Amino acid sequence: MIKQLLTDQELAIELGTGFKRRTIASLRRAGKIPVIKIGYRTLRYDLDAVMAALSKREIKAVHTR
């Protein structure tokens, strides 16, 4: 089975609320999500790899009294 690679816009739609193209670009530049370079300006994302990277960075709520 061939994995579908997503553009910035498609990834933002798949991730849902709170994610825009600019957010995706910021996460990419910060090295927080994996990216696949196909050409000079062509970047694509693997949804499974991005979801795994974001889940590792998830901040758990701290319980306070």
PDB file of N, CA and C in Angstrom:
ATOM      1  N   MET A   1       0.840  -1.186   0.000  1.00  0.00           N
ATOM      2  CA  MET A   1       0.000   0.000   0.000  1.00  0.00           C
ATOM      3  C   MET A   1       0.884   1.247   0.000  1.00  0.00           C
ATOM      4  N   ILE A   2       0.579   2.189  -0.841  1.00  0.00           N
ATOM      5  CA  ILE A   2       1.344   3.425  -0.962  1.00  0.00           C
ATOM      6  C   ILE A   2       0.751   4.462  -0.003  1.00  0.00           C
ATOM      7  N   LYS A   3       1.629   5.100   0.792  1.00  0.00           N
ATOM      8  CA  LYS A   3       1.175   6.144   1.706  1.00  0.00           C
ATOM      9  C   LYS A   3       0.932   7.420   0.940  1.00  0.00           C
ATOM     10  N   GLN A   4      -0.105   8.121   1.343  1.00  0.00           N
ATOM     11  CA  GLN A   4      -0.415   9.398   0.718  1.00  0.00           C
ATOM     12  C   GLN A   4       0.363  10.487   1.457  1.00  0.00           C
ATOM     13  N   LEU A   5       1.082  11.294   0.716  1.00  0.00           N
ATOM     14  CA  LEU A   5       1.815  12.414   1.282  1.00  0.00           C
ATOM     15  C   LEU A   5       0.978  13.679   1.107  1.00  0.00           C
ATOM     16  N   LEU A   6       0.957  14.504   2.136  1.00  0.00           N
ATOM     17  CA  LEU A   6       0.085  15.673   2.167  1.00  0.00           C
ATOM     18  C   LEU A   6       0.857  16.977   2.016  1.00  0.00           C
ATOM     19  N   THR A   7       0.201  17.980   1.445  1.00  0.00           N
ATOM     20  CA  THR A   7       0.756  19.329   1.366  1.00  0.00           C
ATOM     21  C   THR A   7       0.485  20.048   2.687  1.00  0.00           C
ATOM     22  N   ASP A   8       0.991  21.273   2.818  1.00  0.00           N
ATOM     23  CA  ASP A   8       0.732  22.074   4.022  1.00  0.00           C
ATOM     24  C   ASP A   8      -0.767  22.236   4.262  1.00  0.00           C
ATOM     25  N   GLN A   9      -1.491  22.618   3.231  1.00  0.00           N
ATOM     26  CA  GLN A   9      -2.923  22.875   3.351  1.00  0.00           C
ATOM     27  C   GLN A   9      -3.688  21.602   3.700  1.00  0.00           C
ATOM     28  N   GLU A  10      -3.365  20.498   3.045  1.00  0.00           N
ATOM     29  CA  GLU A  10      -4.045  19.234   3.317  1.00  0.00           C
ATOM     30  C   GLU A  10      -3.762  18.756   4.740  1.00  0.00           C
ATOM     31  N   LEU A  11      -2.521  18.934   5.201  1.00  0.00           N
ATOM     32  CA  LEU A  11      -2.171  18.542   6.561  1.00  0.00           C
ATOM     33  C   LEU A  11      -2.927  19.387   7.575  1.00  0.00           C
ATOM     34  N   ALA A  12      -3.045  20.676   7.334  1.00  0.00           N
ATOM     35  CA  ALA A  12      -3.782  21.557   8.238  1.00  0.00           C
ATOM     36  C   ALA A  12      -5.241  21.114   8.336  1.00  0.00           C
ATOM     37  N   ILE A  13      -5.836  20.721   7.232  1.00  0.00           N
ATOM     38  CA  ILE A  13      -7.226  20.257   7.231  1.00  0.00           C
ATOM     39  C   ILE A  13      -7.352  18.947   8.006  1.00  0.00           C
ATOM     40  N   GLU A  14      -6.416  18.025   7.783  1.00  0.00           N
ATOM     41  CA  GLU A  14      -6.449  16.719   8.462  1.00  0.00           C
ATOM     42  C   GLU A  14      -6.269  16.859   9.974  1.00  0.00           C
ATOM     43  N   LEU A  15      -5.410  17.788  10.408  1.00  0.00           N
ATOM     44  CA  LEU A  15      -5.158  17.957  11.836  1.00  0.00           C
ATOM     45  C   LEU A  15      -6.307  18.646  12.542  1.00  0.00           C
ATOM     46  N   GLY A  16      -7.076  19.448  11.818  1.00  0.00           N
ATOM     47  CA  GLY A  16      -8.288  20.031  12.384  1.00  0.00           C
ATOM     48  C   GLY A  16      -8.105  21.420  12.962  1.00  0.00           C
ATOM     49  N   THR A  17      -8.939  21.724  13.930  1.00  0.00           N
ATOM     50  CA  THR A  17      -9.033  23.047  14.517  1.00  0.00           C
ATOM     51  C   THR A  17      -7.708  23.514  15.114  1.00  0.00           C
ATOM     52  N   GLY A  18      -7.386  24.763  14.871  1.00  0.00           N
ATOM     53  CA  GLY A  18      -6.186  25.349  15.455  1.00  0.00           C
ATOM     54  C   GLY A  18      -4.945  25.246  14.588  1.00  0.00           C
ATOM     55  N   PHE A  19      -5.019  24.514  13.505  1.00  0.00           N
ATOM     56  CA  PHE A  19      -3.868  24.363  12.621  1.00  0.00           C
ATOM     57  C   PHE A  19      -4.146  25.048  11.291  1.00  0.00           C
ATOM     58  N   LYS A  20      -3.235  25.933  10.912  1.00  0.00           N
ATOM     59  CA  LYS A  20      -3.310  26.615   9.625  1.00  0.00           C
ATOM     60  C   LYS A  20      -1.988  26.394   8.917  1.00  0.00           C
ATOM     61  N   ARG A  21      -1.908  26.829   7.667  1.00  0.00           N
ATOM     62  CA  ARG A  21      -0.660  26.658   6.903  1.00  0.00           C
ATOM     63  C   ARG A  21       0.517  27.303   7.621  1.00  0.00           C
ATOM     64  N   ARG A  22       0.272  28.439   8.216  1.00  0.00           N
ATOM     65  CA  ARG A  22       1.350  29.144   8.916  1.00  0.00           C
ATOM     66  C   ARG A  22       1.823  28.357  10.143  1.00  0.00           C
ATOM     67  N   THR A  23       0.895  27.729  10.855  1.00  0.00           N
ATOM     68  CA  THR A  23       1.238  26.902  12.011  1.00  0.00           C
ATOM     69  C   THR A  23       2.087  25.715  11.584  1.00  0.00           C
ATOM     70  N   ILE A  24       1.683  25.074  10.482  1.00  0.00           N
ATOM     71  CA  ILE A  24       2.423  23.935   9.950  1.00  0.00           C
ATOM     72  C   ILE A  24       3.843  24.369   9.574  1.00  0.00           C
ATOM     73  N   ALA A  25       3.957  25.517   8.927  1.00  0.00           N
ATOM     74  CA  ALA A  25       5.272  26.023   8.523  1.00  0.00           C
ATOM     75  C   ALA A  25       6.146  26.317   9.743  1.00  0.00           C
ATOM     76  N   SER A  26       5.563  26.878  10.783  1.00  0.00           N
ATOM     77  CA  SER A  26       6.318  27.175  12.002  1.00  0.00           C
ATOM     78  C   SER A  26       6.808  25.898  12.678  1.00  0.00           C
ATOM     79  N   LEU A  27       5.946  24.889  12.753  1.00  0.00           N
ATOM     80  CA  LEU A  27       6.331  23.610  13.342  1.00  0.00           C
ATOM     81  C   LEU A  27       7.438  22.949  12.523  1.00  0.00           C
ATOM     82  N   ARG A  28       7.346  23.066  11.196  1.00  0.00           N
ATOM     83  CA  ARG A  28       8.354  22.491  10.314  1.00  0.00           C
ATOM     84  C   ARG A  28       9.704  23.170  10.516  1.00  0.00           C
ATOM     85  N   ARG A  29       9.715  24.503  10.528  1.00  0.00           N
ATOM     86  CA  ARG A  29      10.960  25.250  10.701  1.00  0.00           C
ATOM     87  C   ARG A  29      11.605  24.998  12.058  1.00  0.00           C
ATOM     88  N   ALA A  30      10.775  24.765  13.081  1.00  0.00           N
ATOM     89  CA  ALA A  30      11.284  24.491  14.424  1.00  0.00           C
ATOM     90  C   ALA A  30      11.766  23.051  14.570  1.00  0.00           C
ATOM     91  N   GLY A  31      11.492  22.220  13.564  1.00  0.00           N
ATOM     92  CA  GLY A  31      11.930  20.830  13.600  1.00  0.00           C
ATOM     93  C   GLY A  31      11.067  19.938  14.466  1.00  0.00           C
ATOM     94  N   LYS A  32       9.826  20.361  14.702  1.00  0.00           N
ATOM     95  CA  LYS A  32       8.932  19.598  15.574  1.00  0.00           C
ATOM     96  C   LYS A  32       8.108  18.562  14.829  1.00  0.00           C
ATOM     97  N   ILE A  33       8.000  18.694  13.512  1.00  0.00           N
ATOM     98  CA  ILE A  33       7.298  17.688  12.715  1.00  0.00           C
ATOM     99  C   ILE A  33       8.200  17.266  11.549  1.00  0.00           C
ATOM    100  N   PRO A  34       8.121  15.991  11.170  1.00  0.00           N
ATOM    101  CA  PRO A  34       8.957  15.511  10.060  1.00  0.00           C
ATOM    102  C   PRO A  34       8.414  15.962   8.710  1.00  0.00           C
ATOM    103  N   VAL A  35       9.309  16.233   7.786  1.00  0.00           N
ATOM    104  CA  VAL A  35       8.936  16.685   6.450  1.00  0.00           C
ATOM    105  C   VAL A  35       9.747  15.901   5.420  1.00  0.00           C
ATOM    106  N   ILE A  36       9.151  15.692   4.260  1.00  0.00           N
ATOM    107  CA  ILE A  36       9.826  15.002   3.161  1.00  0.00           C
ATOM    108  C   ILE A  36      10.035  16.021   2.052  1.00  0.00           C
ATOM    109  N   LYS A  37      11.298  16.269   1.698  1.00  0.00           N
ATOM    110  CA  LYS A  37      11.610  17.197   0.606  1.00  0.00           C
ATOM    111  C   LYS A  37      11.620  16.413  -0.692  1.00  0.00           C
ATOM    112  N   ILE A  38      10.779  16.814  -1.625  1.00  0.00           N
ATOM    113  CA  ILE A  38      10.684  16.139  -2.916  1.00  0.00           C
ATOM    114  C   ILE A  38      11.456  16.903  -3.983  1.00  0.00           C
ATOM    115  N   GLY A  39      11.480  18.196  -3.861  1.00  0.00           N
ATOM    116  CA  GLY A  39      12.181  19.025  -4.841  1.00  0.00           C
ATOM    117  C   GLY A  39      12.674  20.294  -4.178  1.00  0.00           C
ATOM    118  N   TYR A  40      12.996  21.274  -5.004  1.00  0.00           N
ATOM    119  CA  TYR A  40      13.523  22.532  -4.504  1.00  0.00           C
ATOM    120  C   TYR A  40      12.554  23.214  -3.539  1.00  0.00           C
ATOM    121  N   ARG A  41      11.289  23.291  -3.922  1.00  0.00           N
ATOM    122  CA  ARG A  41      10.276  23.930  -3.081  1.00  0.00           C
ATOM    123  C   ARG A  41       9.144  22.993  -2.681  1.00  0.00           C
ATOM    124  N   THR A  42       9.214  21.759  -3.072  1.00  0.00           N
ATOM    125  CA  THR A  42       8.125  20.827  -2.842  1.00  0.00           C
ATOM    126  C   THR A  42       8.349  20.056  -1.550  1.00  0.00           C
ATOM    127  N   LEU A  43       7.454  20.281  -0.586  1.00  0.00           N
ATOM    128  CA  LEU A  43       7.518  19.608   0.710  1.00  0.00           C
ATOM    129  C   LEU A  43       6.234  18.820   0.910  1.00  0.00           C
ATOM    130  N   ARG A  44       6.355  17.634   1.490  1.00  0.00           N
ATOM    131  CA  ARG A  44       5.190  16.806   1.765  1.00  0.00           C
ATOM    132  C   ARG A  44       5.325  16.217   3.160  1.00  0.00           C
ATOM    133  N   TYR A  45       4.193  15.808   3.713  1.00  0.00           N
ATOM    134  CA  TYR A  45       4.150  15.273   5.071  1.00  0.00           C
ATOM    135  C   TYR A  45       3.457  13.922   5.083  1.00  0.00           C
ATOM    136  N   ASP A  46       3.960  13.011   5.924  1.00  0.00           N
ATOM    137  CA  ASP A  46       3.318  11.734   6.172  1.00  0.00           C
ATOM    138  C   ASP A  46       2.459  11.926   7.422  1.00  0.00           C
ATOM    139  N   LEU A  47       1.144  11.752   7.290  1.00  0.00           N
ATOM    140  CA  LEU A  47       0.220  12.038   8.379  1.00  0.00           C
ATOM    141  C   LEU A  47       0.539  11.217   9.627  1.00  0.00           C
ATOM    142  N   ASP A  48       0.849   9.937   9.474  1.00  0.00           N
ATOM    143  CA  ASP A  48       1.157   9.088  10.626  1.00  0.00           C
ATOM    144  C   ASP A  48       2.387   9.576  11.378  1.00  0.00           C
ATOM    145  N   ALA A  49       3.422   9.962  10.652  1.00  0.00           N
ATOM    146  CA  ALA A  49       4.655  10.439  11.279  1.00  0.00           C
ATOM    147  C   ALA A  49       4.424  11.776  11.993  1.00  0.00           C
ATOM    148  N   VAL A  50       3.628  12.641  11.392  1.00  0.00           N
ATOM    149  CA  VAL A  50       3.331  13.939  12.009  1.00  0.00           C
ATOM    150  C   VAL A  50       2.506  13.750  13.280  1.00  0.00           C
ATOM    151  N   MET A  51       1.516  12.863  13.228  1.00  0.00           N
ATOM    152  CA  MET A  51       0.684  12.601  14.405  1.00  0.00           C
ATOM    153  C   MET A  51       1.528  12.029  15.543  1.00  0.00           C
ATOM    154  N   ALA A  52       2.460  11.131  15.222  1.00  0.00           N
ATOM    155  CA  ALA A  52       3.333  10.554  16.241  1.00  0.00           C
ATOM    156  C   ALA A  52       4.226  11.634  16.860  1.00  0.00           C
ATOM    157  N   ALA A  53       4.758  12.530  16.041  1.00  0.00           N
ATOM    158  CA  ALA A  53       5.622  13.605  16.541  1.00  0.00           C
ATOM    159  C   ALA A  53       4.840  14.560  17.434  1.00  0.00           C
ATOM    160  N   LEU A  54       3.615  14.884  17.040  1.00  0.00           N
ATOM    161  CA  LEU A  54       2.804  15.796  17.845  1.00  0.00           C
ATOM    162  C   LEU A  54       2.361  15.149  19.150  1.00  0.00           C
ATOM    163  N   SER A  55       2.082  13.857  19.140  1.00  0.00           N
ATOM    164  CA  SER A  55       1.654  13.194  20.370  1.00  0.00           C
ATOM    165  C   SER A  55       2.802  13.099  21.374  1.00  0.00           C
ATOM    166  N   LYS A  56       4.047  13.011  20.899  1.00  0.00           N
ATOM    167  CA  LYS A  56       5.200  12.992  21.796  1.00  0.00           C
ATOM    168  C   LYS A  56       5.378  14.342  22.474  1.00  0.00           C
ATOM    169  N   ARG A  57       4.975  15.406  21.812  1.00  0.00           N
ATOM    170  CA  ARG A  57       5.168  16.757  22.338  1.00  0.00           C
ATOM    171  C   ARG A  57       3.981  17.240  23.157  1.00  0.00           C
ATOM    172  N   GLU A  58       2.972  16.396  23.321  1.00  0.00           N
ATOM    173  CA  GLU A  58       1.768  16.777  24.042  1.00  0.00           C
ATOM    174  C   GLU A  58       2.098  17.067  25.520  1.00  0.00           C
ATOM    175  N   ILE A  59       1.596  18.163  26.004  1.00  0.00           N
ATOM    176  CA  ILE A  59       1.857  18.558  27.390  1.00  0.00           C
ATOM    177  C   ILE A  59       0.683  18.099  28.239  1.00  0.00           C
ATOM    178  N   LYS A  60       0.976  17.315  29.237  1.00  0.00           N
ATOM    179  CA  LYS A  60      -0.056  16.798  30.127  1.00  0.00           C
ATOM    180  C   LYS A  60      -0.443  17.884  31.130  1.00  0.00           C
ATOM    181  N   ALA A  61      -1.710  17.890  31.515  1.00  0.00           N
ATOM    182  CA  ALA A  61      -2.197  18.862  32.499  1.00  0.00           C
ATOM    183  C   ALA A  61      -1.616  18.528  33.863  1.00  0.00           C
ATOM    184  N   VAL A  62      -1.255  19.554  34.603  1.00  0.00           N
ATOM    185  CA  VAL A  62      -0.715  19.368  35.937  1.00  0.00           C
ATOM    186  C   VAL A  62      -1.854  19.540  36.932  1.00  0.00           C
ATOM    187  N   HIS A  63      -1.985  18.576  37.827  1.00  0.00           N
ATOM    188  CA  HIS A  63      -3.050  18.623  38.811  1.00  0.00           C
ATOM    189  C   HIS A  63      -2.651  19.571  39.944  1.00  0.00           C
ATOM    190  N   THR A  64      -3.506  20.522  40.237  1.00  0.00           N
ATOM    191  CA  THR A  64      -3.254  21.438  41.361  1.00  0.00           C
ATOM    192  C   THR A  64      -4.468  21.431  42.264  1.00  0.00           C
ATOM    193  N   ARG A  65      -4.260  21.770  43.497  1.00  0.00           N
ATOM    194  CA  ARG A  65      -5.378  21.797  44.445  1.00  0.00           C
ATOM    195  C   ARG A  65      -6.064  23.125  44.454  1.00  0.00           C
TER     196      ARG A  65
END
